[in-house]
Amino acid sequence: MTGAAAVAASPHRDDVRSRMGMWLFLLTEFLLFGGLFVAYAAYRSIHRVEFHHAGAELNALLGVGNTVVLLTSSLTVALGVHALRSGRDREAPLWSCATILLAFVFLAVKAVEWSVKYEHGLFPGKPALAALPAGERLFFGLYFATTGLHALHVIAGAVVLAVAASLIARGRITPDAPVIAENAGLYWHLVDVIWIVILPLFYLAA
């Protein structure tokens, strides 16, 4: 096979643009959550006492525990990307699986937290929530909107990592072309960074 034929047969890759595209996508995600954070700041400045009272209803221990889970998952993602870059192809998917397991732990803790709020009537559509002062209703509305949207991103991130792990296991992602795995890792780090902002706003600012 001639050099020209080899070039034609090899798949086209533009790693620089792939990384740039991923960073632009992450920027749009920051803007999405940024809108919620700005709304939180605006409403909290108006309803400071109500936000303080409503925040006391959240379980800070669960929030901090989930933060530890996500920070650990960021470590496992980074270890997986490092393993891939180092040529340890078989090890990399195992780290992705560990990250996905931690994602399920995070979601399970969040489900427990939401179920408690549901039982106490502090859930959208519940009469007990509707009877609260306007500021407290706004707090819980923002809480469920923000944490619910974040939970969807956790699920999406787990799916992306599962796909990347499958591609690595099948040899479709290799140490000399790790950009897909790197982008999957960047997305997961975004999920973690957003939660680190959510924690003090809702759980630690009561």
C-alpha atoms as a PDB file:
ATOM      1  CA  MET A   1       0.000   0.000   0.000  1.00  0.00           C
ATOM      2  CA  THR A   2       1.424   3.384  -0.985  1.00  0.00           C
ATOM      3  CA  GLY A   3       1.734   6.257   1.482  1.00  0.00           C
ATOM      4  CA  ALA A   4      -1.184   8.096  -0.128  1.00  0.00           C
ATOM      5  CA  ALA A   5      -3.373   4.992   0.065  1.00  0.00           C
ATOM      6  CA  ALA A   6      -2.491   4.511   3.734  1.00  0.00           C
ATOM      7  CA  VAL A   7      -3.490   8.076   4.517  1.00  0.00           C
ATOM      8  CA  ALA A   8      -6.763   7.622   2.664  1.00  0.00           C
ATOM      9  CA  ALA A   9      -7.495   4.392   4.545  1.00  0.00           C
ATOM     10  CA  SER A  10      -6.764   5.787   7.995  1.00  0.00           C
ATOM     11  CA  PRO A  11      -9.670   7.479   9.816  1.00  0.00           C
ATOM     12  CA  HIS A  12      -9.524  11.256   9.878  1.00  0.00           C
ATOM     13  CA  ARG A  13      -8.933  12.738  13.328  1.00  0.00           C
ATOM     14  CA  ASP A  14      -8.710  16.308  14.474  1.00  0.00           C
ATOM     15  CA  ASP A  15      -7.929  16.079  18.173  1.00  0.00           C
ATOM     16  CA  VAL A  16      -7.449  19.827  18.572  1.00  0.00           C
ATOM     17  CA  ARG A  17     -10.924  20.609  17.269  1.00  0.00           C
ATOM     18  CA  SER A  18     -12.411  17.730  19.276  1.00  0.00           C
ATOM     19  CA  ARG A  19     -10.981  19.157  22.470  1.00  0.00           C
ATOM     20  CA  MET A  20     -12.021  22.684  21.516  1.00  0.00           C
ATOM     21  CA  GLY A  21     -15.537  21.498  20.749  1.00  0.00           C
ATOM     22  CA  MET A  22     -15.724  19.788  24.122  1.00  0.00           C
ATOM     23  CA  TRP A  23     -14.630  22.905  25.970  1.00  0.00           C
ATOM     24  CA  LEU A  24     -17.241  24.963  24.111  1.00  0.00           C
ATOM     25  CA  PHE A  25     -19.886  22.415  25.055  1.00  0.00           C
ATOM     26  CA  LEU A  26     -18.793  22.564  28.695  1.00  0.00           C
ATOM     27  CA  LEU A  27     -19.091  26.348  28.542  1.00  0.00           C
ATOM     28  CA  THR A  28     -22.747  26.050  27.517  1.00  0.00           C
ATOM     29  CA  GLU A  29     -23.305  23.702  30.467  1.00  0.00           C
ATOM     30  CA  PHE A  30     -21.745  26.226  32.830  1.00  0.00           C
ATOM     31  CA  LEU A  31     -24.042  28.899  31.397  1.00  0.00           C
ATOM     32  CA  LEU A  32     -27.063  26.638  31.936  1.00  0.00           C
ATOM     33  CA  PHE A  33     -26.306  26.077  35.598  1.00  0.00           C
ATOM     34  CA  GLY A  34     -25.027  29.622  35.937  1.00  0.00           C
ATOM     35  CA  GLY A  35     -28.541  30.877  35.215  1.00  0.00           C
ATOM     36  CA  LEU A  36     -29.872  28.817  38.122  1.00  0.00           C
ATOM     37  CA  PHE A  37     -27.106  30.048  40.402  1.00  0.00           C
ATOM     38  CA  VAL A  38     -27.808  33.672  39.483  1.00  0.00           C
ATOM     39  CA  ALA A  39     -31.512  33.132  40.177  1.00  0.00           C
ATOM     40  CA  TYR A  40     -30.599  31.612  43.535  1.00  0.00           C
ATOM     41  CA  ALA A  41     -28.435  34.610  44.444  1.00  0.00           C
ATOM     42  CA  ALA A  42     -31.132  37.091  43.383  1.00  0.00           C
ATOM     43  CA  TYR A  43     -33.939  35.391  45.300  1.00  0.00           C
ATOM     44  CA  ARG A  44     -31.777  34.787  48.358  1.00  0.00           C
ATOM     45  CA  SER A  45     -30.998  38.506  48.560  1.00  0.00           C
ATOM     46  CA  ILE A  46     -34.754  39.172  48.678  1.00  0.00           C
ATOM     47  CA  HIS A  47     -35.787  36.258  50.935  1.00  0.00           C
ATOM     48  CA  ARG A  48     -32.727  35.849  53.138  1.00  0.00           C
ATOM     49  CA  VAL A  49     -34.582  34.666  56.249  1.00  0.00           C
ATOM     50  CA  GLU A  50     -36.830  32.228  54.344  1.00  0.00           C
ATOM     51  CA  PHE A  51     -33.858  30.747  52.456  1.00  0.00           C
ATOM     52  CA  HIS A  52     -31.988  30.326  55.744  1.00  0.00           C
ATOM     53  CA  HIS A  53     -34.952  28.519  57.308  1.00  0.00           C
ATOM     54  CA  ALA A  54     -35.557  26.293  54.261  1.00  0.00           C
ATOM     55  CA  GLY A  55     -31.864  25.417  53.983  1.00  0.00           C
ATOM     56  CA  ALA A  56     -31.955  24.060  57.522  1.00  0.00           C
ATOM     57  CA  GLU A  57     -34.350  21.358  56.273  1.00  0.00           C
ATOM     58  CA  LEU A  58     -31.631  19.827  54.091  1.00  0.00           C
ATOM     59  CA  ASN A  59     -29.314  17.133  55.386  1.00  0.00           C
ATOM     60  CA  ALA A  60     -25.830  18.637  55.206  1.00  0.00           C
ATOM     61  CA  LEU A  61     -24.262  15.286  56.121  1.00  0.00           C
ATOM     62  CA  LEU A  62     -25.743  13.651  53.017  1.00  0.00           C
ATOM     63  CA  GLY A  63     -24.626  16.595  50.897  1.00  0.00           C
ATOM     64  CA  VAL A  64     -21.054  16.384  52.176  1.00  0.00           C
ATOM     65  CA  GLY A  65     -21.074  12.599  51.817  1.00  0.00           C
ATOM     66  CA  ASN A  66     -22.130  12.870  48.195  1.00  0.00           C
ATOM     67  CA  THR A  67     -19.376  15.419  47.659  1.00  0.00           C
ATOM     68  CA  VAL A  68     -16.818  12.882  48.871  1.00  0.00           C
ATOM     69  CA  VAL A  69     -18.335  10.316  46.485  1.00  0.00           C
ATOM     70  CA  LEU A  70     -18.029  12.646  43.496  1.00  0.00           C
ATOM     71  CA  LEU A  71     -14.519  13.794  44.373  1.00  0.00           C
ATOM     72  CA  THR A  72     -13.489  10.153  44.572  1.00  0.00           C
ATOM     73  CA  SER A  73     -15.113   9.542  41.202  1.00  0.00           C
ATOM     74  CA  SER A  74     -13.054  12.381  39.717  1.00  0.00           C
ATOM     75  CA  LEU A  75      -9.958  10.576  40.953  1.00  0.00           C
ATOM     76  CA  THR A  76     -11.021   7.284  39.337  1.00  0.00           C
ATOM     77  CA  VAL A  77     -11.732   9.060  36.044  1.00  0.00           C
ATOM     78  CA  ALA A  78      -8.301  10.677  36.099  1.00  0.00           C
ATOM     79  CA  LEU A  79      -6.658   7.329  36.903  1.00  0.00           C
ATOM     80  CA  GLY A  80      -8.499   5.736  33.980  1.00  0.00           C
ATOM     81  CA  VAL A  81      -7.317   8.379  31.509  1.00  0.00           C
ATOM     82  CA  HIS A  82      -3.782   8.115  32.881  1.00  0.00           C
ATOM     83  CA  ALA A  83      -3.866   4.324  32.514  1.00  0.00           C
ATOM     84  CA  LEU A  84      -4.972   4.666  28.897  1.00  0.00           C
ATOM     85  CA  ARG A  85      -2.281   7.204  28.071  1.00  0.00           C
ATOM     86  CA  SER A  86       0.295   4.907  29.705  1.00  0.00           C
ATOM     87  CA  GLY A  87      -0.705   2.016  27.457  1.00  0.00           C
ATOM     88  CA  ARG A  88      -2.573   0.042  30.127  1.00  0.00           C
ATOM     89  CA  ASP A  89      -5.629  -0.467  27.925  1.00  0.00           C
ATOM     90  CA  ARG A  90      -7.132  -3.278  30.007  1.00  0.00           C
ATOM     91  CA  GLU A  91      -6.921  -1.261  33.220  1.00  0.00           C
ATOM     92  CA  ALA A  92      -8.618   1.887  31.913  1.00  0.00           C
ATOM     93  CA  PRO A  93     -12.160   0.414  31.549  1.00  0.00           C
ATOM     94  CA  LEU A  94     -11.973  -0.863  35.137  1.00  0.00           C
ATOM     95  CA  TRP A  95     -11.488   2.682  36.406  1.00  0.00           C
ATOM     96  CA  SER A  96     -14.465   3.783  34.301  1.00  0.00           C
ATOM     97  CA  CYS A  97     -16.557   1.029  35.878  1.00  0.00           C
ATOM     98  CA  ALA A  98     -15.471   2.232  39.329  1.00  0.00           C
ATOM     99  CA  THR A  99     -16.590   5.748  38.411  1.00  0.00           C
ATOM    100  CA  ILE A 100     -19.959   4.497  37.181  1.00  0.00           C
ATOM    101  CA  LEU A 101     -20.415   2.574  40.437  1.00  0.00           C
ATOM    102  CA  LEU A 102     -19.739   5.763  42.378  1.00  0.00           C
ATOM    103  CA  ALA A 103     -22.277   7.558  40.186  1.00  0.00           C
ATOM    104  CA  PHE A 104     -24.895   5.001  41.239  1.00  0.00           C
ATOM    105  CA  VAL A 105     -23.949   5.564  44.880  1.00  0.00           C
ATOM    106  CA  PHE A 106     -24.423   9.308  44.421  1.00  0.00           C
ATOM    107  CA  LEU A 107     -27.827   8.816  42.799  1.00  0.00           C
ATOM    108  CA  ALA A 108     -28.891   6.372  45.511  1.00  0.00           C
ATOM    109  CA  VAL A 109     -28.055   8.898  48.231  1.00  0.00           C
ATOM    110  CA  LYS A 110     -29.908  11.595  46.304  1.00  0.00           C
ATOM    111  CA  ALA A 111     -32.933   9.290  45.938  1.00  0.00           C
ATOM    112  CA  VAL A 112     -32.964   8.717  49.707  1.00  0.00           C
ATOM    113  CA  GLU A 113     -32.767  12.457  50.307  1.00  0.00           C
ATOM    114  CA  TRP A 114     -35.577  13.207  47.876  1.00  0.00           C
ATOM    115  CA  SER A 115     -37.758  10.429  49.321  1.00  0.00           C
ATOM    116  CA  VAL A 116     -37.432  11.966  52.787  1.00  0.00           C
ATOM    117  CA  LYS A 117     -38.482  15.343  51.416  1.00  0.00           C
ATOM    118  CA  TYR A 118     -41.438  13.655  49.711  1.00  0.00           C
ATOM    119  CA  GLU A 119     -42.532  12.005  52.963  1.00  0.00           C
ATOM    120  CA  HIS A 120     -42.326  15.352  54.765  1.00  0.00           C
ATOM    121  CA  GLY A 121     -44.387  17.026  52.054  1.00  0.00           C
ATOM    122  CA  LEU A 122     -41.500  19.254  50.918  1.00  0.00           C
ATOM    123  CA  PHE A 123     -41.849  18.189  47.306  1.00  0.00           C
ATOM    124  CA  PRO A 124     -43.297  19.948  44.234  1.00  0.00           C
ATOM    125  CA  GLY A 125     -47.069  19.521  44.133  1.00  0.00           C
ATOM    126  CA  LYS A 126     -47.397  18.693  47.824  1.00  0.00           C
ATOM    127  CA  PRO A 127     -49.826  20.827  49.929  1.00  0.00           C
ATOM    128  CA  ALA A 128     -47.245  21.233  52.710  1.00  0.00           C
ATOM    129  CA  LEU A 129     -44.831  22.877  50.310  1.00  0.00           C
ATOM    130  CA  ALA A 130     -47.537  25.099  48.843  1.00  0.00           C
ATOM    131  CA  ALA A 131     -48.401  26.309  52.349  1.00  0.00           C
ATOM    132  CA  LEU A 132     -44.878  27.590  53.033  1.00  0.00           C
ATOM    133  CA  PRO A 133     -43.921  31.267  52.668  1.00  0.00           C
ATOM    134  CA  ALA A 134     -43.000  32.386  49.156  1.00  0.00           C
ATOM    135  CA  GLY A 135     -39.270  32.510  49.907  1.00  0.00           C
ATOM    136  CA  GLU A 136     -39.194  28.922  51.152  1.00  0.00           C
ATOM    137  CA  ARG A 137     -41.159  27.741  48.126  1.00  0.00           C
ATOM    138  CA  LEU A 138     -38.629  29.468  45.890  1.00  0.00           C
ATOM    139  CA  PHE A 139     -35.763  27.811  47.756  1.00  0.00           C
ATOM    140  CA  PHE A 140     -37.173  24.315  47.332  1.00  0.00           C
ATOM    141  CA  GLY A 141     -38.154  25.020  43.731  1.00  0.00           C
ATOM    142  CA  LEU A 142     -34.572  25.994  42.932  1.00  0.00           C
ATOM    143  CA  TYR A 143     -33.248  23.085  44.984  1.00  0.00           C
ATOM    144  CA  PHE A 144     -35.236  20.450  43.096  1.00  0.00           C
ATOM    145  CA  ALA A 145     -34.622  22.108  39.720  1.00  0.00           C
ATOM    146  CA  THR A 146     -30.870  22.381  40.259  1.00  0.00           C
ATOM    147  CA  THR A 147     -30.253  19.004  41.891  1.00  0.00           C
ATOM    148  CA  GLY A 148     -32.634  17.291  39.469  1.00  0.00           C
ATOM    149  CA  LEU A 149     -30.825  18.766  36.466  1.00  0.00           C
ATOM    150  CA  HIS A 150     -27.519  17.796  38.029  1.00  0.00           C
ATOM    151  CA  ALA A 151     -28.743  14.228  38.579  1.00  0.00           C
ATOM    152  CA  LEU A 152     -29.599  14.013  34.871  1.00  0.00           C
ATOM    153  CA  HIS A 153     -26.044  15.094  34.098  1.00  0.00           C
ATOM    154  CA  VAL A 154     -24.719  12.388  36.421  1.00  0.00           C
ATOM    155  CA  ILE A 155     -26.747   9.798  34.499  1.00  0.00           C
ATOM    156  CA  ALA A 156     -25.569  11.205  31.154  1.00  0.00           C
ATOM    157  CA  GLY A 157     -21.975  11.189  32.384  1.00  0.00           C
ATOM    158  CA  ALA A 158     -22.246   7.552  33.462  1.00  0.00           C
ATOM    159  CA  VAL A 159     -23.581   6.631  30.020  1.00  0.00           C
ATOM    160  CA  VAL A 160     -20.744   8.520  28.302  1.00  0.00           C
ATOM    161  CA  LEU A 161     -18.161   6.775  30.474  1.00  0.00           C
ATOM    162  CA  ALA A 162     -19.741   3.383  29.775  1.00  0.00           C
ATOM    163  CA  VAL A 163     -19.551   4.013  26.025  1.00  0.00           C
ATOM    164  CA  ALA A 164     -15.933   5.163  26.303  1.00  0.00           C
ATOM    165  CA  ALA A 165     -15.031   2.085  28.383  1.00  0.00           C
ATOM    166  CA  SER A 166     -16.639  -0.151  25.763  1.00  0.00           C
ATOM    167  CA  LEU A 167     -14.679   1.535  22.976  1.00  0.00           C
ATOM    168  CA  ILE A 168     -11.436   1.120  24.910  1.00  0.00           C
ATOM    169  CA  ALA A 169     -12.150  -2.569  25.545  1.00  0.00           C
ATOM    170  CA  ARG A 170     -12.807  -3.089  21.820  1.00  0.00           C
ATOM    171  CA  GLY A 171      -9.652  -1.265  20.806  1.00  0.00           C
ATOM    172  CA  ARG A 172     -11.503   1.651  19.251  1.00  0.00           C
ATOM    173  CA  ILE A 173      -9.849   4.071  21.682  1.00  0.00           C
ATOM    174  CA  THR A 174      -6.099   3.583  21.960  1.00  0.00           C
ATOM    175  CA  PRO A 175      -3.217   5.200  23.869  1.00  0.00           C
ATOM    176  CA  ASP A 176      -2.180   7.138  20.765  1.00  0.00           C
ATOM    177  CA  ALA A 177      -5.738   8.426  20.242  1.00  0.00           C
ATOM    178  CA  PRO A 178      -7.235   8.997  23.713  1.00  0.00           C
ATOM    179  CA  VAL A 179      -9.210  12.168  22.984  1.00  0.00           C
ATOM    180  CA  ILE A 180     -12.659  10.547  23.327  1.00  0.00           C
ATOM    181  CA  ALA A 181     -11.760   9.170  26.746  1.00  0.00           C
ATOM    182  CA  GLU A 182     -10.264  12.525  27.722  1.00  0.00           C
ATOM    183  CA  ASN A 183     -13.436  14.358  26.689  1.00  0.00           C
ATOM    184  CA  ALA A 184     -15.564  11.876  28.645  1.00  0.00           C
ATOM    185  CA  GLY A 185     -13.371  12.576  31.657  1.00  0.00           C
ATOM    186  CA  LEU A 186     -13.757  16.326  31.199  1.00  0.00           C
ATOM    187  CA  TYR A 187     -17.527  15.965  31.150  1.00  0.00           C
ATOM    188  CA  TRP A 188     -17.403  14.014  34.394  1.00  0.00           C
ATOM    189  CA  HIS A 189     -15.210  16.661  36.015  1.00  0.00           C
ATOM    190  CA  LEU A 190     -17.853  19.226  35.013  1.00  0.00           C
ATOM    191  CA  VAL A 191     -20.454  17.203  36.915  1.00  0.00           C
ATOM    192  CA  ASP A 192     -18.216  17.293  39.981  1.00  0.00           C
ATOM    193  CA  VAL A 193     -17.454  21.016  39.758  1.00  0.00           C
ATOM    194  CA  ILE A 194     -21.149  21.891  39.497  1.00  0.00           C
ATOM    195  CA  TRP A 195     -21.917  19.843  42.600  1.00  0.00           C
ATOM    196  CA  ILE A 196     -19.139  21.627  44.505  1.00  0.00           C
ATOM    197  CA  VAL A 197     -21.023  24.882  43.776  1.00  0.00           C
ATOM    198  CA  ILE A 198     -24.394  23.361  44.710  1.00  0.00           C
ATOM    199  CA  LEU A 199     -23.142  22.116  48.099  1.00  0.00           C
ATOM    200  CA  PRO A 200     -22.450  25.494  49.761  1.00  0.00           C
ATOM    201  CA  LEU A 201     -25.407  27.232  48.140  1.00  0.00           C
ATOM    202  CA  PHE A 202     -28.059  24.802  49.361  1.00  0.00           C
ATOM    203  CA  TYR A 203     -26.542  22.667  52.113  1.00  0.00           C
ATOM    204  CA  LEU A 204     -24.009  24.837  53.930  1.00  0.00           C
ATOM    205  CA  ALA A 205     -25.520  28.327  53.685  1.00  0.00           C
ATOM    206  CA  ALA A 206     -28.454  27.741  56.034  1.00  0.00           C
END
